Amino acid sequence: MYAIYLKCPSGRFHPISLPDGVTVNRLLFASVWAERQQAQKALQTLKKWNPDAIMQIRKVGV
């Protein structure tokens, strides 16, 4: 499973929740994708909307 992480002003990366549009502290509340290609597609869309944001895909879970 994969999640998209956003770099916050504090310098730390936090996972994001797409339905809520916020960063979260627990992966339980984060948006996750089963395959990396799905997460990559969502990341490309987010990059179009937020070109200055620093985001990355990370593998989460088992």
C-alpha atoms as a PDB file:
ATOM      1  CA  MET A   1       0.000   0.000   0.000  1.00  0.00           C
ATOM      2  CA  TYR A   2       1.146   3.528  -0.775  1.00  0.00           C
ATOM      3  CA  ALA A   3       0.392   6.980   0.633  1.00  0.00           C
ATOM      4  CA  ILE A   4       1.213  10.496  -0.515  1.00  0.00           C
ATOM      5  CA  TYR A   5       3.165  12.619   1.937  1.00  0.00           C
ATOM      6  CA  LEU A   6       3.272  16.429   1.940  1.00  0.00           C
ATOM      7  CA  LYS A   7       6.173  18.466   3.296  1.00  0.00           C
ATOM      8  CA  CYS A   8       4.793  20.864   5.901  1.00  0.00           C
ATOM      9  CA  PRO A   9       6.270  24.265   6.869  1.00  0.00           C
ATOM     10  CA  SER A  10       7.858  22.596   9.910  1.00  0.00           C
ATOM     11  CA  GLY A  11      10.034  20.578   7.519  1.00  0.00           C
ATOM     12  CA  ARG A  12       8.415  17.243   8.350  1.00  0.00           C
ATOM     13  CA  PHE A  13       6.440  15.101   5.940  1.00  0.00           C
ATOM     14  CA  HIS A  14       2.889  14.082   6.866  1.00  0.00           C
ATOM     15  CA  PRO A  15       0.445  11.788   5.018  1.00  0.00           C
ATOM     16  CA  ILE A  16      -2.553  13.461   3.432  1.00  0.00           C
ATOM     17  CA  SER A  17      -6.267  12.719   3.405  1.00  0.00           C
ATOM     18  CA  LEU A  18      -7.698  13.622   0.000  1.00  0.00           C
ATOM     19  CA  PRO A  19     -11.429  13.638   0.943  1.00  0.00           C
ATOM     20  CA  ASP A  20     -10.727  16.045   3.819  1.00  0.00           C
ATOM     21  CA  GLY A  21      -7.911  17.961   2.119  1.00  0.00           C
ATOM     22  CA  VAL A  22      -5.678  17.964   5.192  1.00  0.00           C
ATOM     23  CA  THR A  23      -2.515  16.365   6.502  1.00  0.00           C
ATOM     24  CA  VAL A  24      -3.035  13.715   9.166  1.00  0.00           C
ATOM     25  CA  ASN A  25      -0.922  12.312  11.984  1.00  0.00           C
ATOM     26  CA  ARG A  26      -2.019   8.689  11.633  1.00  0.00           C
ATOM     27  CA  LEU A  27      -2.047   6.464   8.573  1.00  0.00           C
ATOM     28  CA  LEU A  28      -5.468   5.250   9.676  1.00  0.00           C
ATOM     29  CA  PHE A  29      -6.887   8.541   8.384  1.00  0.00           C
ATOM     30  CA  ALA A  30      -4.645   8.904   5.309  1.00  0.00           C
ATOM     31  CA  SER A  31      -5.624   8.167   1.721  1.00  0.00           C
ATOM     32  CA  VAL A  32      -3.895   4.975   0.598  1.00  0.00           C
ATOM     33  CA  TRP A  33      -3.639   3.116  -2.704  1.00  0.00           C
ATOM     34  CA  ALA A  34      -3.034  -0.577  -3.290  1.00  0.00           C
ATOM     35  CA  GLU A  35      -0.606  -0.018  -6.163  1.00  0.00           C
ATOM     36  CA  ARG A  36       2.101   2.557  -6.752  1.00  0.00           C
ATOM     37  CA  GLN A  37       0.712   3.427 -10.215  1.00  0.00           C
ATOM     38  CA  GLN A  38      -2.586   4.524  -8.659  1.00  0.00           C
ATOM     39  CA  ALA A  39      -0.782   6.749  -6.155  1.00  0.00           C
ATOM     40  CA  GLN A  40       1.431   8.147  -8.927  1.00  0.00           C
ATOM     41  CA  LYS A  41      -1.648   9.128 -10.950  1.00  0.00           C
ATOM     42  CA  ALA A  42      -3.140  10.942  -7.933  1.00  0.00           C
ATOM     43  CA  LEU A  43       0.206  12.642  -7.259  1.00  0.00           C
ATOM     44  CA  GLN A  44       0.381  13.950 -10.841  1.00  0.00           C
ATOM     45  CA  THR A  45      -3.045  15.532 -10.439  1.00  0.00           C
ATOM     46  CA  LEU A  46      -2.082  17.071  -7.107  1.00  0.00           C
ATOM     47  CA  LYS A  47       1.133  18.459  -8.627  1.00  0.00           C
ATOM     48  CA  LYS A  48      -0.929  20.197 -11.337  1.00  0.00           C
ATOM     49  CA  TRP A  49      -3.086  21.859  -8.690  1.00  0.00           C
ATOM     50  CA  ASN A  50      -0.168  22.632  -6.316  1.00  0.00           C
ATOM     51  CA  PRO A  51       3.049  23.041  -8.328  1.00  0.00           C
ATOM     52  CA  ASP A  52       4.988  24.522  -5.375  1.00  0.00           C
ATOM     53  CA  ALA A  53       4.121  21.768  -2.895  1.00  0.00           C
ATOM     54  CA  ILE A  54       6.729  19.124  -2.131  1.00  0.00           C
ATOM     55  CA  MET A  55       5.077  15.712  -2.154  1.00  0.00           C
ATOM     56  CA  GLN A  56       6.315  12.144  -2.342  1.00  0.00           C
ATOM     57  CA  ILE A  57       4.917   8.639  -2.446  1.00  0.00           C
ATOM     58  CA  ARG A  58       5.916   6.279   0.345  1.00  0.00           C
ATOM     59  CA  LYS A  59       5.236   2.614   0.878  1.00  0.00           C
ATOM     60  CA  VAL A  60       3.205   2.061   4.032  1.00  0.00           C
ATOM     61  CA  GLY A  61       2.057  -1.016   5.910  1.00  0.00           C
ATOM     62  CA  VAL A  62       3.251  -4.541   5.265  1.00  0.00           C
END
